PDB file of N, CA and C in Angstrom:
ATOM      1  N   MET A   1     -78.783  39.036 -72.034  1.00  0.00           N
ATOM      2  CA  MET A   1     -78.386  39.244 -70.665  1.00  0.00           C
ATOM      3  C   MET A   1     -77.560  38.040 -70.218  1.00  0.00           C
ATOM      4  N   GLY A   2     -76.541  38.300 -69.389  1.00  0.00           N
ATOM      5  CA  GLY A   2     -75.694  37.234 -68.875  1.00  0.00           C
ATOM      6  C   GLY A   2     -76.389  36.442 -67.785  1.00  0.00           C
ATOM      7  N   ARG A   3     -75.636  35.615 -67.100  1.00  0.00           N
ATOM      8  CA  ARG A   3     -76.202  34.821 -65.998  1.00  0.00           C
ATOM      9  C   ARG A   3     -76.651  35.732 -64.872  1.00  0.00           C
ATOM     10  N   ARG A   4     -77.710  35.349 -64.219  1.00  0.00           N
ATOM     11  CA  ARG A   4     -78.237  36.129 -63.107  1.00  0.00           C
ATOM     12  C   ARG A   4     -77.621  35.666 -61.793  1.00  0.00           C
ATOM     13  N   ILE A   5     -77.533  36.582 -60.854  1.00  0.00           N
ATOM     14  CA  ILE A   5     -76.991  36.290 -59.533  1.00  0.00           C
ATOM     15  C   ILE A   5     -78.080  36.599 -58.515  1.00  0.00           C
ATOM     16  N   ALA A   6     -78.470  35.631 -57.735  1.00  0.00           N
ATOM     17  CA  ALA A   6     -79.473  35.842 -56.688  1.00  0.00           C
ATOM     18  C   ALA A   6     -78.807  36.472 -55.474  1.00  0.00           C
ATOM     19  N   ILE A   7     -79.421  37.511 -54.961  1.00  0.00           N
ATOM     20  CA  ILE A   7     -78.934  38.173 -53.753  1.00  0.00           C
ATOM     21  C   ILE A   7     -80.073  38.167 -52.745  1.00  0.00           C
ATOM     22  N   GLU A   8     -79.859  37.469 -51.642  1.00  0.00           N
ATOM     23  CA  GLU A   8     -80.884  37.409 -50.607  1.00  0.00           C
ATOM     24  C   GLU A   8     -80.768  38.634 -49.712  1.00  0.00           C
ATOM     25  N   LEU A   9     -81.886  39.291 -49.501  1.00  0.00           N
ATOM     26  CA  LEU A   9     -81.909  40.465 -48.636  1.00  0.00           C
ATOM     27  C   LEU A   9     -82.911  40.249 -47.512  1.00  0.00           C
ATOM     28  N   ASN A  10     -82.556  40.694 -46.341  1.00  0.00           N
ATOM     29  CA  ASN A  10     -83.473  40.619 -45.216  1.00  0.00           C
ATOM     30  C   ASN A  10     -83.383  41.956 -44.483  1.00  0.00           C
ATOM     31  N   PRO A  11     -84.212  42.907 -44.868  1.00  0.00           N
ATOM     32  CA  PRO A  11     -84.089  44.241 -44.276  1.00  0.00           C
ATOM     33  C   PRO A  11     -84.472  44.310 -42.803  1.00  0.00           C
ATOM     34  N   THR A  12     -85.046  43.265 -42.244  1.00  0.00           N
ATOM     35  CA  THR A  12     -85.433  43.311 -40.840  1.00  0.00           C
ATOM     36  C   THR A  12     -84.360  42.746 -39.911  1.00  0.00           C
ATOM     37  N   PHE A  13     -83.313  42.166 -40.450  1.00  0.00           N
ATOM     38  CA  PHE A  13     -82.252  41.584 -39.628  1.00  0.00           C
ATOM     39  C   PHE A  13     -81.284  42.680 -39.215  1.00  0.00           C
ATOM     40  N   GLU A  14     -80.966  42.736 -37.944  1.00  0.00           N
ATOM     41  CA  GLU A  14     -80.082  43.777 -37.437  1.00  0.00           C
ATOM     42  C   GLU A  14     -79.095  43.161 -36.460  1.00  0.00           C
ATOM     43  N   ILE A  15     -77.837  43.569 -36.565  1.00  0.00           N
ATOM     44  CA  ILE A  15     -76.807  43.153 -35.617  1.00  0.00           C
ATOM     45  C   ILE A  15     -76.349  44.403 -34.883  1.00  0.00           C
ATOM     46  N   VAL A  16     -76.297  44.343 -33.580  1.00  0.00           N
ATOM     47  CA  VAL A  16     -75.869  45.479 -32.774  1.00  0.00           C
ATOM     48  C   VAL A  16     -74.469  45.174 -32.248  1.00  0.00           C
ATOM     49  N   ILE A  17     -73.527  46.072 -32.529  1.00  0.00           N
ATOM     50  CA  ILE A  17     -72.149  45.867 -32.079  1.00  0.00           C
ATOM     51  C   ILE A  17     -71.715  47.038 -31.208  1.00  0.00           C
ATOM     52  N   ASP A  18     -70.709  46.821 -30.404  1.00  0.00           N
ATOM     53  CA  ASP A  18     -70.168  47.849 -29.517  1.00  0.00           C
ATOM     54  C   ASP A  18     -69.381  48.864 -30.350  1.00  0.00           C
ATOM     55  N   GLY A  19     -69.753  50.122 -30.250  1.00  0.00           N
ATOM     56  CA  GLY A  19     -69.090  51.160 -31.032  1.00  0.00           C
ATOM     57  C   GLY A  19     -67.793  51.659 -30.434  1.00  0.00           C
ATOM     58  N   ALA A  20     -67.561  51.409 -29.139  1.00  0.00           N
ATOM     59  CA  ALA A  20     -66.365  51.944 -28.480  1.00  0.00           C
ATOM     60  C   ALA A  20     -65.057  51.491 -29.136  1.00  0.00           C
ATOM     61  N   PRO A  21     -64.876  50.191 -29.428  1.00  0.00           N
ATOM     62  CA  PRO A  21     -63.609  49.791 -30.062  1.00  0.00           C
ATOM     63  C   PRO A  21     -63.436  50.395 -31.465  1.00  0.00           C
ATOM     64  N   ILE A  22     -64.530  50.606 -32.159  1.00  0.00           N
ATOM     65  CA  ILE A  22     -64.447  51.194 -33.498  1.00  0.00           C
ATOM     66  C   ILE A  22     -64.076  52.663 -33.386  1.00  0.00           C
ATOM     67  N   ALA A  23     -64.728  53.375 -32.459  1.00  0.00           N
ATOM     68  CA  ALA A  23     -64.403  54.785 -32.228  1.00  0.00           C
ATOM     69  C   ALA A  23     -62.929  54.931 -31.881  1.00  0.00           C
ATOM     70  N   HIS A  24     -62.454  54.094 -30.952  1.00  0.00           N
ATOM     71  CA  HIS A  24     -61.046  54.148 -30.533  1.00  0.00           C
ATOM     72  C   HIS A  24     -60.110  53.900 -31.720  1.00  0.00           C
ATOM     73  N   ALA A  25     -60.439  52.899 -32.547  1.00  0.00           N
ATOM     74  CA  ALA A  25     -59.592  52.570 -33.699  1.00  0.00           C
ATOM     75  C   ALA A  25     -59.552  53.716 -34.711  1.00  0.00           C
ATOM     76  N   LEU A  26     -60.635  54.499 -34.788  1.00  0.00           N
ATOM     77  CA  LEU A  26     -60.665  55.651 -35.689  1.00  0.00           C
ATOM     78  C   LEU A  26     -60.027  56.888 -35.059  1.00  0.00           C
ATOM     79  N   GLY A  27     -59.632  56.782 -33.787  1.00  0.00           N
ATOM     80  CA  GLY A  27     -59.015  57.918 -33.101  1.00  0.00           C
ATOM     81  C   GLY A  27     -60.047  58.927 -32.610  1.00  0.00           C
ATOM     82  N   LEU A  28     -61.276  58.467 -32.349  1.00  0.00           N
ATOM     83  CA  LEU A  28     -62.356  59.341 -31.904  1.00  0.00           C
ATOM     84  C   LEU A  28     -62.867  58.905 -30.541  1.00  0.00           C
ATOM     85  N   ASP A  29     -63.449  59.853 -29.781  1.00  0.00           N
ATOM     86  CA  ASP A  29     -64.145  59.429 -28.572  1.00  0.00           C
ATOM     87  C   ASP A  29     -65.533  58.949 -28.984  1.00  0.00           C
ATOM     88  N   LYS A  30     -66.209  58.229 -28.089  1.00  0.00           N
ATOM     89  CA  LYS A  30     -67.494  57.616 -28.437  1.00  0.00           C
ATOM     90  C   LYS A  30     -68.532  58.646 -28.866  1.00  0.00           C
ATOM     91  N   ASP A  31     -68.603  59.776 -28.155  1.00  0.00           N
ATOM     92  CA  ASP A  31     -69.609  60.783 -28.493  1.00  0.00           C
ATOM     93  C   ASP A  31     -69.388  61.333 -29.901  1.00  0.00           C
ATOM     94  N   ALA A  32     -68.137  61.646 -30.221  1.00  0.00           N
ATOM     95  CA  ALA A  32     -67.829  62.169 -31.560  1.00  0.00           C
ATOM     96  C   ALA A  32     -68.132  61.116 -32.623  1.00  0.00           C
ATOM     97  N   PHE A  33     -67.788  59.868 -32.336  1.00  0.00           N
ATOM     98  CA  PHE A  33     -68.040  58.786 -33.287  1.00  0.00           C
ATOM     99  C   PHE A  33     -69.529  58.672 -33.604  1.00  0.00           C
ATOM    100  N   PHE A  34     -70.363  58.630 -32.563  1.00  0.00           N
ATOM    101  CA  PHE A  34     -71.801  58.474 -32.795  1.00  0.00           C
ATOM    102  C   PHE A  34     -72.416  59.721 -33.429  1.00  0.00           C
ATOM    103  N   ARG A  35     -71.892  60.892 -33.099  1.00  0.00           N
ATOM    104  CA  ARG A  35     -72.371  62.120 -33.733  1.00  0.00           C
ATOM    105  C   ARG A  35     -72.049  62.108 -35.229  1.00  0.00           C
ATOM    106  N   LEU A  36     -70.815  61.756 -35.582  1.00  0.00           N
ATOM    107  CA  LEU A  36     -70.413  61.696 -36.986  1.00  0.00           C
ATOM    108  C   LEU A  36     -71.177  60.603 -37.734  1.00  0.00           C
ATOM    109  N   LEU A  37     -71.451  59.504 -37.060  1.00  0.00           N
ATOM    110  CA  LEU A  37     -72.233  58.424 -37.667  1.00  0.00           C
ATOM    111  C   LEU A  37     -73.650  58.931 -37.985  1.00  0.00           C
ATOM    112  N   ALA A  38     -74.259  59.632 -37.030  1.00  0.00           N
ATOM    113  CA  ALA A  38     -75.609  60.169 -37.234  1.00  0.00           C
ATOM    114  C   ALA A  38     -75.632  61.214 -38.350  1.00  0.00           C
ATOM    115  N   GLN A  39     -74.531  61.954 -38.493  1.00  0.00           N
ATOM    116  CA  GLN A  39     -74.431  62.983 -39.538  1.00  0.00           C
ATOM    117  C   GLN A  39     -74.010  62.391 -40.884  1.00  0.00           C
ATOM    118  N   ARG A  40     -73.847  61.083 -40.911  1.00  0.00           N
ATOM    119  CA  ARG A  40     -73.416  60.359 -42.112  1.00  0.00           C
ATOM    120  C   ARG A  40     -72.047  60.834 -42.622  1.00  0.00           C
ATOM    121  N   LYS A  41     -71.187  61.186 -41.683  1.00  0.00           N
ATOM    122  CA  LYS A  41     -69.820  61.575 -42.023  1.00  0.00           C
ATOM    123  C   LYS A  41     -68.858  60.413 -41.843  1.00  0.00           C
ATOM    124  N   ILE A  42     -69.388  59.291 -41.383  1.00  0.00           N
ATOM    125  CA  ILE A  42     -68.649  58.033 -41.329  1.00  0.00           C
ATOM    126  C   ILE A  42     -69.414  57.076 -42.220  1.00  0.00           C
ATOM    127  N   ASP A  43     -68.739  56.567 -43.233  1.00  0.00           N
ATOM    128  CA  ASP A  43     -69.364  55.597 -44.129  1.00  0.00           C
ATOM    129  C   ASP A  43     -69.238  54.217 -43.504  1.00  0.00           C
ATOM    130  N   ARG A  44     -70.208  53.350 -43.807  1.00  0.00           N
ATOM    131  CA  ARG A  44     -70.143  51.985 -43.281  1.00  0.00           C
ATOM    132  C   ARG A  44     -70.665  51.005 -44.314  1.00  0.00           C
ATOM    133  N   LEU A  45     -70.155  49.811 -44.202  1.00  0.00           N
ATOM    134  CA  LEU A  45     -70.516  48.729 -45.113  1.00  0.00           C
ATOM    135  C   LEU A  45     -70.537  47.452 -44.301  1.00  0.00           C
ATOM    136  N   CYS A  46     -71.533  46.612 -44.533  1.00  0.00           N
ATOM    137  CA  CYS A  46     -71.605  45.328 -43.837  1.00  0.00           C
ATOM    138  C   CYS A  46     -71.726  44.222 -44.871  1.00  0.00           C
ATOM    139  N   GLU A  47     -70.896  43.196 -44.719  1.00  0.00           N
ATOM    140  CA  GLU A  47     -70.879  42.059 -45.654  1.00  0.00           C
ATOM    141  C   GLU A  47     -71.185  40.788 -44.879  1.00  0.00           C
ATOM    142  N   ARG A  48     -72.056  39.975 -45.442  1.00  0.00           N
ATOM    143  CA  ARG A  48     -72.448  38.705 -44.823  1.00  0.00           C
ATOM    144  C   ARG A  48     -71.542  37.598 -45.334  1.00  0.00           C
ATOM    145  N   GLY A  49     -71.019  36.801 -44.421  1.00  0.00           N
ATOM    146  CA  GLY A  49     -70.161  35.694 -44.804  1.00  0.00           C
ATOM    147  C   GLY A  49     -70.942  34.570 -45.471  1.00  0.00           C
ATOM    148  N   THR A  50     -70.283  33.894 -46.386  1.00  0.00           N
ATOM    149  CA  THR A  50     -70.873  32.730 -47.049  1.00  0.00           C
ATOM    150  C   THR A  50     -69.894  31.567 -46.939  1.00  0.00           C
ATOM    151  N   GLY A  51     -70.361  30.373 -47.281  1.00  0.00           N
ATOM    152  CA  GLY A  51     -69.500  29.193 -47.223  1.00  0.00           C
ATOM    153  C   GLY A  51     -68.978  28.968 -45.822  1.00  0.00           C
ATOM    154  N   GLU A  52     -67.671  28.860 -45.674  1.00  0.00           N
ATOM    155  CA  GLU A  52     -67.095  28.607 -44.355  1.00  0.00           C
ATOM    156  C   GLU A  52     -67.235  29.807 -43.416  1.00  0.00           C
ATOM    157  N   ASP A  53     -67.584  30.969 -43.943  1.00  0.00           N
ATOM    158  CA  ASP A  53     -67.791  32.167 -43.122  1.00  0.00           C
ATOM    159  C   ASP A  53     -69.256  32.428 -42.801  1.00  0.00           C
ATOM    160  N   THR A  54     -70.138  31.481 -43.107  1.00  0.00           N
ATOM    161  CA  THR A  54     -71.554  31.627 -42.777  1.00  0.00           C
ATOM    162  C   THR A  54     -71.696  31.861 -41.280  1.00  0.00           C
ATOM    163  N   GLY A  55     -72.545  32.818 -40.915  1.00  0.00           N
ATOM    164  CA  GLY A  55     -72.739  33.153 -39.505  1.00  0.00           C
ATOM    165  C   GLY A  55     -71.814  34.246 -39.016  1.00  0.00           C
ATOM    166  N   ARG A  56     -71.007  34.777 -39.936  1.00  0.00           N
ATOM    167  CA  ARG A  56     -70.081  35.866 -39.605  1.00  0.00           C
ATOM    168  C   ARG A  56     -70.404  37.055 -40.502  1.00  0.00           C
ATOM    169  N   TRP A  57     -70.190  38.248 -39.980  1.00  0.00           N
ATOM    170  CA  TRP A  57     -70.381  39.474 -40.746  1.00  0.00           C
ATOM    171  C   TRP A  57     -69.146  40.330 -40.585  1.00  0.00           C
ATOM    172  N   ARG A  58     -68.789  41.040 -41.667  1.00  0.00           N
ATOM    173  CA  ARG A  58     -67.658  41.973 -41.618  1.00  0.00           C
ATOM    174  C   ARG A  58     -68.215  43.374 -41.816  1.00  0.00           C
ATOM    175  N   ALA A  59     -68.036  44.205 -40.803  1.00  0.00           N
ATOM    176  CA  ALA A  59     -68.493  45.587 -40.867  1.00  0.00           C
ATOM    177  C   ALA A  59     -67.273  46.485 -41.041  1.00  0.00           C
ATOM    178  N   SER A  60     -67.348  47.375 -42.017  1.00  0.00           N
ATOM    179  CA  SER A  60     -66.261  48.311 -42.292  1.00  0.00           C
ATOM    180  C   SER A  60     -66.767  49.731 -42.053  1.00  0.00           C
ATOM    181  N   PHE A  61     -65.931  50.533 -41.415  1.00  0.00           N
ATOM    182  CA  PHE A  61     -66.252  51.929 -41.120  1.00  0.00           C
ATOM    183  C   PHE A  61     -65.147  52.788 -41.714  1.00  0.00           C
ATOM    184  N   TYR A  62     -65.526  53.836 -42.430  1.00  0.00           N
ATOM    185  CA  TYR A  62     -64.586  54.691 -43.140  1.00  0.00           C
ATOM    186  C   TYR A  62     -64.725  56.123 -42.651  1.00  0.00           C
ATOM    187  N   HIS A  63     -63.598  56.705 -42.225  1.00  0.00           N
ATOM    188  CA  HIS A  63     -63.596  58.110 -41.799  1.00  0.00           C
ATOM    189  C   HIS A  63     -62.236  58.697 -42.130  1.00  0.00           C
ATOM    190  N   GLY A  64     -62.256  59.811 -42.843  1.00  0.00           N
ATOM    191  CA  GLY A  64     -60.991  60.407 -43.256  1.00  0.00           C
ATOM    192  C   GLY A  64     -60.203  59.414 -44.088  1.00  0.00           C
ATOM    193  N   HIS A  65     -58.970  59.187 -43.696  1.00  0.00           N
ATOM    194  CA  HIS A  65     -58.115  58.247 -44.427  1.00  0.00           C
ATOM    195  C   HIS A  65     -58.034  56.884 -43.755  1.00  0.00           C
ATOM    196  N   LYS A  66     -58.902  56.637 -42.774  1.00  0.00           N
ATOM    197  CA  LYS A  66     -58.856  55.362 -42.058  1.00  0.00           C
ATOM    198  C   LYS A  66     -60.041  54.473 -42.401  1.00  0.00           C
ATOM    199  N   ARG A  67     -59.764  53.175 -42.392  1.00  0.00           N
ATOM    200  CA  ARG A  67     -60.802  52.152 -42.508  1.00  0.00           C
ATOM    201  C   ARG A  67     -60.638  51.218 -41.317  1.00  0.00           C
ATOM    202  N   VAL A  68     -61.739  50.950 -40.630  1.00  0.00           N
ATOM    203  CA  VAL A  68     -61.737  49.998 -39.522  1.00  0.00           C
ATOM    204  C   VAL A  68     -62.703  48.885 -39.890  1.00  0.00           C
ATOM    205  N   ARG A  69     -62.222  47.650 -39.788  1.00  0.00           N
ATOM    206  CA  ARG A  69     -63.059  46.483 -40.065  1.00  0.00           C
ATOM    207  C   ARG A  69     -63.146  45.623 -38.825  1.00  0.00           C
ATOM    208  N   VAL A  70     -64.358  45.121 -38.582  1.00  0.00           N
ATOM    209  CA  VAL A  70     -64.554  44.178 -37.493  1.00  0.00           C
ATOM    210  C   VAL A  70     -65.337  42.989 -38.036  1.00  0.00           C
ATOM    211  N   VAL A  71     -65.034  41.823 -37.504  1.00  0.00           N
ATOM    212  CA  VAL A  71     -65.753  40.607 -37.854  1.00  0.00           C
ATOM    213  C   VAL A  71     -66.546  40.221 -36.614  1.00  0.00           C
ATOM    214  N   VAL A  72     -67.861  40.054 -36.798  1.00  0.00           N
ATOM    215  CA  VAL A  72     -68.744  39.765 -35.671  1.00  0.00           C
ATOM    216  C   VAL A  72     -69.603  38.550 -35.972  1.00  0.00           C
ATOM    217  N   ASP A  73     -70.161  37.972 -34.901  1.00  0.00           N
ATOM    218  CA  ASP A  73     -71.121  36.880 -35.071  1.00  0.00           C
ATOM    219  C   ASP A  73     -72.538  37.456 -35.060  1.00  0.00           C
ATOM    220  N   ARG A  74     -73.511  36.581 -35.126  1.00  0.00           N
ATOM    221  CA  ARG A  74     -74.925  36.988 -35.187  1.00  0.00           C
ATOM    222  C   ARG A  74     -75.345  37.835 -33.989  1.00  0.00           C
ATOM    223  N   ASP A  75     -74.681  37.634 -32.851  1.00  0.00           N
ATOM    224  CA  ASP A  75     -75.013  38.374 -31.636  1.00  0.00           C
ATOM    225  C   ASP A  75     -74.209  39.661 -31.487  1.00  0.00           C
ATOM    226  N   GLY A  76     -73.397  40.007 -32.497  1.00  0.00           N
ATOM    227  CA  GLY A  76     -72.627  41.236 -32.461  1.00  0.00           C
ATOM    228  C   GLY A  76     -71.312  41.139 -31.718  1.00  0.00           C
ATOM    229  N   ARG A  77     -70.937  39.922 -31.286  1.00  0.00           N
ATOM    230  CA  ARG A  77     -69.656  39.740 -30.586  1.00  0.00           C
ATOM    231  C   ARG A  77     -68.515  39.789 -31.596  1.00  0.00           C
ATOM    232  N   MET A  78     -67.515  40.598 -31.296  1.00  0.00           N
ATOM    233  CA  MET A  78     -66.349  40.684 -32.169  1.00  0.00           C
ATOM    234  C   MET A  78     -65.555  39.395 -32.072  1.00  0.00           C
ATOM    235  N   LEU A  79     -65.266  38.801 -33.223  1.00  0.00           N
ATOM    236  CA  LEU A  79     -64.543  37.537 -33.267  1.00  0.00           C
ATOM    237  C   LEU A  79     -63.050  37.749 -33.466  1.00  0.00           C
ATOM    238  N   GLU A  80     -62.679  38.960 -33.841  1.00  0.00           N
ATOM    239  CA  GLU A  80     -61.277  39.331 -34.049  1.00  0.00           C
ATOM    240  C   GLU A  80     -61.126  40.768 -33.588  1.00  0.00           C
ATOM    241  N   PRO A  81     -59.910  41.193 -33.242  1.00  0.00           N
ATOM    242  CA  PRO A  81     -59.718  42.603 -32.907  1.00  0.00           C
ATOM    243  C   PRO A  81     -59.992  43.467 -34.145  1.00  0.00           C
ATOM    244  N   PRO A  82     -60.384  44.733 -33.949  1.00  0.00           N
ATOM    245  CA  PRO A  82     -60.596  45.610 -35.097  1.00  0.00           C
ATOM    246  C   PRO A  82     -59.327  45.717 -35.947  1.00  0.00           C
ATOM    247  N   GLU A  83     -59.513  45.713 -37.249  1.00  0.00           N
ATOM    248  CA  GLU A  83     -58.401  45.848 -38.203  1.00  0.00           C
ATOM    249  C   GLU A  83     -58.417  47.280 -38.727  1.00  0.00           C
ATOM    250  N   VAL A  84     -57.323  47.998 -38.540  1.00  0.00           N
ATOM    251  CA  VAL A  84     -57.231  49.390 -38.967  1.00  0.00           C
ATOM    252  C   VAL A  84     -56.277  49.480 -40.151  1.00  0.00           C
ATOM    253  N   SER A  85     -56.688  50.208 -41.172  1.00  0.00           N
ATOM    254  CA  SER A  85     -55.806  50.412 -42.326  1.00  0.00           C
ATOM    255  C   SER A  85     -56.084  51.781 -42.931  1.00  0.00           C
ATOM    256  N   GLU A  86     -55.207  52.177 -43.810  1.00  0.00           N
ATOM    257  CA  GLU A  86     -55.389  53.427 -44.534  1.00  0.00           C
ATOM    258  C   GLU A  86     -56.414  53.207 -45.617  1.00  0.00           C
ATOM    259  N   ARG A  87     -57.294  54.146 -45.771  1.00  0.00           N
ATOM    260  CA  ARG A  87     -58.329  54.083 -46.799  1.00  0.00           C
ATOM    261  C   ARG A  87     -57.707  54.456 -48.132  1.00  0.00           C
ATOM    262  N   THR A  88     -57.984  53.662 -49.136  1.00  0.00           N
ATOM    263  CA  THR A  88     -57.477  53.931 -50.466  1.00  0.00           C
ATOM    264  C   THR A  88     -58.350  54.992 -51.120  1.00  0.00           C
ATOM    265  N   PRO A  89     -57.745  56.094 -51.597  1.00  0.00           N
ATOM    266  CA  PRO A  89     -58.546  57.125 -52.242  1.00  0.00           C
ATOM    267  C   PRO A  89     -59.281  56.550 -53.452  1.00  0.00           C
ATOM    268  N   GLN A  90     -60.553  56.939 -53.601  1.00  0.00           N
ATOM    269  CA  GLN A  90     -61.335  56.468 -54.723  1.00  0.00           C
ATOM    270  C   GLN A  90     -61.136  57.385 -55.927  1.00  0.00           C
ATOM    271  N   LYS A  91     -61.039  56.765 -57.081  1.00  0.00           N
ATOM    272  CA  LYS A  91     -60.895  57.522 -58.320  1.00  0.00           C
ATOM    273  C   LYS A  91     -62.261  57.998 -58.770  1.00  0.00           C
ATOM    274  N   ARG A  92     -62.326  59.199 -59.217  1.00  0.00           N
ATOM    275  CA  ARG A  92     -63.607  59.753 -59.687  1.00  0.00           C
ATOM    276  C   ARG A  92     -63.552  60.040 -61.151  1.00  0.00           C
TER     277      ARG A  92
END
């Protein structure tokens, strides 16, 4: 086996962010955004910053051909405007 990589997990830590700017960036109203999120029709990924980015998190939301990324602090405050880009199709 190669070198091991330690991954710290804390399943009880939660960051709450405002969904309105994300919904708007995806071209959805808030109700539709939260409905699709509950139906798991919007994929999401959250990455914890390390090194100089410690204390920052990057949350990505994927719907259709769009990806919206936001960078937030521990309190869920957006540190940058949402970044919108085209989602790259995944190869299967």
